[in-house]
Amino acid sequence: MDAEGYSGLVDRRKSQPSDKRVPVAKVEEVLRLYQEQYFDLNIRHFHEKIGEEHGIKLSYTWVQKALQGAGLVARGRKRAKHRRRRERRPFPPLRRLFLSLKQTQENPLRQAEGGPWVS
C-alpha cells in the first residue's frame, strides 16, 4: 500500500480489485472519527463504538491495522525471546584459587619426555 498506493490493493491474479476491499470513503470516515471524536479511546473500545453508534461493521483486526498504518495508534511492543541466555555463574573462591595454582604450577599428570600426556 505504501509503495503503490491504492493500486497496490489490486488482486494480481485476477487483474481486478479485491471483492472484500473496504471503500475509500469508509476508510476515511473511520480515520476521521478516530482523529476528531474518539482519540481518547483504545482500539477495542473504538471498534465497539463505531459499530454501535455509526453502524460501521469492520473486523477488529482491520480497524487495528488501519489505525496503526495511519500512525494514529502505536504498534504493540515486540515480545521477548522465548529463551534468554543467563550470565555465567562466577567461580567459587576455592575453585578460582585452585585454577590459578594449577596454571602456575607444573601439571602432575604430565610424565617425563616422551610420555603420552606431554603437549
Protein backbone atom coordinates (compact mmCIF):
# COMPACT_ATOMS: atom_id res chain seq x y z
CA MET A 1 0.00 0.00 0.00
CA ASP A 2 2.81 2.43 0.86
CA ALA A 3 4.79 1.76 -2.31
CA GLU A 4 1.97 1.53 -4.84
CA GLY A 5 -0.96 3.36 -3.19
CA TYR A 6 -4.50 2.09 -3.77
CA SER A 7 -3.43 0.35 -6.96
CA GLY A 8 -1.44 -1.98 -4.68
CA LEU A 9 -4.74 -3.45 -3.49
CA VAL A 10 -5.45 -4.96 -6.89
CA ASP A 11 -5.54 -8.75 -6.85
CA ARG A 12 -2.80 -9.54 -9.36
CA ARG A 13 -4.22 -12.99 -10.06
CA LYS A 14 -7.45 -11.57 -11.47
CA SER A 15 -6.17 -8.14 -12.57
CA GLN A 16 -9.05 -6.53 -10.73
CA PRO A 17 -9.58 -5.12 -7.22
CA SER A 18 -10.42 -7.48 -4.38
CA ASP A 19 -14.13 -8.00 -3.72
CA LYS A 20 -13.52 -7.62 0.02
CA ARG A 21 -11.81 -4.25 -0.21
CA VAL A 22 -13.24 -1.55 2.07
CA PRO A 23 -14.38 1.54 0.12
CA VAL A 24 -12.07 4.55 0.39
CA ALA A 25 -14.90 6.72 1.78
CA LYS A 26 -15.42 4.30 4.68
CA VAL A 27 -11.66 4.19 5.40
CA GLU A 28 -11.50 7.98 5.51
CA GLU A 29 -14.59 8.12 7.74
CA VAL A 30 -13.07 5.66 10.24
CA LEU A 31 -9.81 7.59 10.39
CA ARG A 32 -11.66 10.93 10.69
CA LEU A 33 -13.85 9.62 13.52
CA TYR A 34 -10.81 8.43 15.46
CA GLN A 35 -8.91 11.69 14.96
CA GLU A 36 -11.75 14.10 15.73
CA GLN A 37 -14.11 12.33 18.10
CA TYR A 38 -12.66 9.17 19.66
CA PHE A 39 -8.95 10.00 20.01
CA ASP A 40 -9.03 9.12 23.72
CA LEU A 41 -10.34 5.56 23.24
CA ASN A 42 -8.22 2.48 22.78
CA ILE A 43 -8.63 0.35 19.67
CA ARG A 44 -11.03 -2.17 21.25
CA HIS A 45 -13.45 0.47 22.55
CA PHE A 46 -13.21 2.48 19.33
CA HIS A 47 -14.09 -0.63 17.33
CA GLU A 48 -17.16 -1.24 19.52
CA LYS A 49 -18.22 2.43 19.37
CA ILE A 50 -18.14 2.75 15.57
CA GLY A 51 -20.15 -0.46 15.30
CA GLU A 52 -22.82 0.60 17.79
CA GLU A 53 -23.21 4.32 17.11
CA HIS A 54 -22.18 4.69 13.47
CA GLY A 55 -23.16 1.31 12.03
CA ILE A 56 -19.69 0.66 10.62
CA LYS A 57 -19.18 -3.10 10.70
CA LEU A 58 -15.50 -3.89 10.21
CA SER A 59 -13.32 -6.50 11.84
CA TYR A 60 -11.28 -5.54 14.87
CA THR A 61 -8.07 -6.51 13.09
CA TRP A 62 -8.91 -4.31 10.11
CA VAL A 63 -9.53 -1.30 12.39
CA GLN A 64 -6.31 -2.00 14.27
CA LYS A 65 -4.22 -2.25 11.08
CA ALA A 66 -5.82 0.90 9.63
CA LEU A 67 -5.14 2.99 12.74
CA GLN A 68 -1.59 1.69 13.09
CA GLY A 69 -0.90 2.16 9.39
CA ALA A 70 -2.09 5.78 9.56
CA GLY A 71 0.17 6.39 12.56
CA LEU A 72 -2.73 7.23 14.90
CA VAL A 73 -2.01 4.36 17.29
CA ALA A 74 1.35 2.98 18.34
CA ARG A 75 2.15 -0.61 17.43
CA GLY A 76 2.39 -3.11 20.26
CA ARG A 77 5.80 -3.87 21.65
CA LYS A 78 7.58 -6.94 20.37
CA ARG A 79 7.75 -9.96 22.57
CA ALA A 80 10.96 -11.04 24.23
CA LYS A 81 12.88 -14.09 23.08
CA HIS A 82 11.49 -17.42 24.23
CA ARG A 83 14.78 -18.39 25.83
CA ARG A 84 17.32 -15.89 27.08
CA ARG A 85 20.88 -16.81 27.92
CA ARG A 86 21.82 -16.38 31.54
CA GLU A 87 25.05 -14.84 32.67
CA ARG A 88 27.61 -17.39 33.68
CA ARG A 89 27.87 -18.01 37.37
CA PRO A 90 31.09 -16.72 38.90
CA PHE A 91 33.61 -19.30 40.02
CA PRO A 92 33.52 -20.07 43.74
CA PRO A 93 36.59 -18.66 45.55
CA LEU A 94 38.25 -22.04 46.20
CA ARG A 95 37.85 -23.17 42.62
CA ARG A 96 39.31 -19.88 41.37
CA LEU A 97 42.28 -20.38 43.71
CA PHE A 98 42.76 -23.97 42.53
CA LEU A 99 42.68 -22.92 38.88
CA SER A 100 45.21 -20.15 39.42
CA LEU A 101 47.57 -22.58 41.23
CA LYS A 102 47.09 -25.20 38.55
CA GLN A 103 48.05 -22.77 35.82
CA THR A 104 51.18 -21.59 37.62
CA GLN A 105 52.49 -24.96 38.74
CA GLU A 106 53.59 -27.93 36.71
CA ASN A 107 50.77 -30.31 35.88
CA PRO A 108 51.30 -33.57 37.88
CA LEU A 109 49.67 -35.66 35.11
CA ARG A 110 52.49 -34.92 32.71
CA GLN A 111 55.21 -37.52 32.60
CA ALA A 112 58.80 -37.31 31.59
CA GLU A 113 59.73 -36.53 27.97
CA GLY A 114 58.05 -38.82 25.52
CA GLY A 115 55.09 -39.73 27.72
CA PRO A 116 51.51 -39.73 26.41
CA TRP A 117 50.50 -36.54 28.26
CA VAL A 118 53.27 -34.33 27.04
CA SER A 119 51.98 -31.44 24.97
